[in-house]
């Protein structure tokens, strides 16, 4: 699973994938990962990856629009 990887490219992939999800889908991902991970901080970490991905998408949208 990319979450367990220490490679930066895998973490970037994870943020891009999660950043595209709406809040409902993100909560579904959190629920599944939380069930199998055993990591008490997993919810916050997944939301942080998603936020990074959303910021990246916003930046790309502004670049395309020339803003």
C-alpha atoms as a PDB file:
ATOM      1  CA  UNK A   1       0.000   0.000   0.000  1.00  0.00           C
ATOM      2  CA  UNK A   2       1.322   3.415  -0.899  1.00  0.00           C
ATOM      3  CA  UNK A   3       0.551   4.743   2.578  1.00  0.00           C
ATOM      4  CA  UNK A   4       3.228   2.502   4.100  1.00  0.00           C
ATOM      5  CA  UNK A   5       5.857   3.533   1.580  1.00  0.00           C
ATOM      6  CA  UNK A   6       8.677   5.867   2.540  1.00  0.00           C
ATOM      7  CA  UNK A   7       9.241   6.879  -1.077  1.00  0.00           C
ATOM      8  CA  UNK A   8       8.305  10.471  -1.817  1.00  0.00           C
ATOM      9  CA  UNK A   9       6.830   9.557  -5.199  1.00  0.00           C
ATOM     10  CA  UNK A  10       4.386   7.160  -3.533  1.00  0.00           C
ATOM     11  CA  UNK A  11       3.342   9.819  -1.030  1.00  0.00           C
ATOM     12  CA  UNK A  12       2.810  12.279  -3.895  1.00  0.00           C
ATOM     13  CA  UNK A  13       0.703   9.697  -5.739  1.00  0.00           C
ATOM     14  CA  UNK A  14      -1.362   9.183  -2.616  1.00  0.00           C
ATOM     15  CA  UNK A  15      -2.001  12.910  -2.178  1.00  0.00           C
ATOM     16  CA  UNK A  16      -3.021  13.237  -5.840  1.00  0.00           C
ATOM     17  CA  UNK A  17      -5.439  10.317  -5.604  1.00  0.00           C
ATOM     18  CA  UNK A  18      -6.994  11.424  -2.329  1.00  0.00           C
ATOM     19  CA  UNK A  19      -7.119  15.075  -3.353  1.00  0.00           C
ATOM     20  CA  UNK A  20      -9.562  14.291  -6.145  1.00  0.00           C
ATOM     21  CA  UNK A  21     -12.125  12.756  -3.801  1.00  0.00           C
ATOM     22  CA  UNK A  22     -15.089  14.595  -2.355  1.00  0.00           C
ATOM     23  CA  UNK A  23     -15.547  14.465   1.424  1.00  0.00           C
ATOM     24  CA  UNK A  24     -17.970  11.531   1.292  1.00  0.00           C
ATOM     25  CA  UNK A  25     -15.599   9.344  -0.724  1.00  0.00           C
ATOM     26  CA  UNK A  26     -12.668  10.412   1.448  1.00  0.00           C
ATOM     27  CA  UNK A  27     -14.571   9.348   4.563  1.00  0.00           C
ATOM     28  CA  UNK A  28     -15.179   5.941   2.953  1.00  0.00           C
ATOM     29  CA  UNK A  29     -11.442   5.557   2.313  1.00  0.00           C
ATOM     30  CA  UNK A  30     -10.666   6.595   5.888  1.00  0.00           C
ATOM     31  CA  UNK A  31     -13.117   4.049   7.248  1.00  0.00           C
ATOM     32  CA  UNK A  32     -11.546   1.165   5.290  1.00  0.00           C
ATOM     33  CA  UNK A  33      -7.941   2.130   5.985  1.00  0.00           C
ATOM     34  CA  UNK A  34      -8.681   2.748   9.662  1.00  0.00           C
ATOM     35  CA  UNK A  35     -10.232  -0.709   9.930  1.00  0.00           C
ATOM     36  CA  UNK A  36      -7.097  -2.459   8.668  1.00  0.00           C
ATOM     37  CA  UNK A  37      -4.227  -0.185   9.710  1.00  0.00           C
ATOM     38  CA  UNK A  38      -4.252  -0.200  13.502  1.00  0.00           C
ATOM     39  CA  UNK A  39      -2.750   3.304  13.427  1.00  0.00           C
ATOM     40  CA  UNK A  40      -4.696   5.686  15.711  1.00  0.00           C
ATOM     41  CA  UNK A  41      -3.517   8.737  13.760  1.00  0.00           C
ATOM     42  CA  UNK A  42      -4.454   7.426  10.342  1.00  0.00           C
ATOM     43  CA  UNK A  43      -7.544   9.616   9.980  1.00  0.00           C
ATOM     44  CA  UNK A  44      -5.585  12.842  10.348  1.00  0.00           C
ATOM     45  CA  UNK A  45      -2.828  11.645   8.048  1.00  0.00           C
ATOM     46  CA  UNK A  46      -5.230  10.687   5.263  1.00  0.00           C
ATOM     47  CA  UNK A  47      -6.986  14.040   5.527  1.00  0.00           C
ATOM     48  CA  UNK A  48      -3.604  15.802   5.367  1.00  0.00           C
ATOM     49  CA  UNK A  49      -2.641  13.882   2.217  1.00  0.00           C
ATOM     50  CA  UNK A  50      -6.004  14.784   0.695  1.00  0.00           C
ATOM     51  CA  UNK A  51      -5.539  18.469   1.519  1.00  0.00           C
ATOM     52  CA  UNK A  52      -2.111  18.477  -0.102  1.00  0.00           C
ATOM     53  CA  UNK A  53      -3.631  16.936  -3.204  1.00  0.00           C
ATOM     54  CA  UNK A  54      -6.429  19.502  -3.269  1.00  0.00           C
ATOM     55  CA  UNK A  55      -3.939  22.344  -3.016  1.00  0.00           C
ATOM     56  CA  UNK A  56      -1.974  20.862  -5.890  1.00  0.00           C
ATOM     57  CA  UNK A  57      -5.124  20.622  -8.015  1.00  0.00           C
ATOM     58  CA  UNK A  58      -6.036  24.234  -7.199  1.00  0.00           C
ATOM     59  CA  UNK A  59      -2.554  25.384  -8.181  1.00  0.00           C
ATOM     60  CA  UNK A  60      -2.731  23.521 -11.475  1.00  0.00           C
ATOM     61  CA  UNK A  61      -6.175  25.015 -12.200  1.00  0.00           C
ATOM     62  CA  UNK A  62      -4.865  28.520 -11.592  1.00  0.00           C
ATOM     63  CA  UNK A  63      -1.840  27.866 -13.802  1.00  0.00           C
ATOM     64  CA  UNK A  64      -4.065  26.646 -16.637  1.00  0.00           C
ATOM     65  CA  UNK A  65      -6.345  29.657 -16.278  1.00  0.00           C
ATOM     66  CA  UNK A  66      -3.352  31.999 -16.136  1.00  0.00           C
ATOM     67  CA  UNK A  67      -4.184  33.418 -12.724  1.00  0.00           C
END
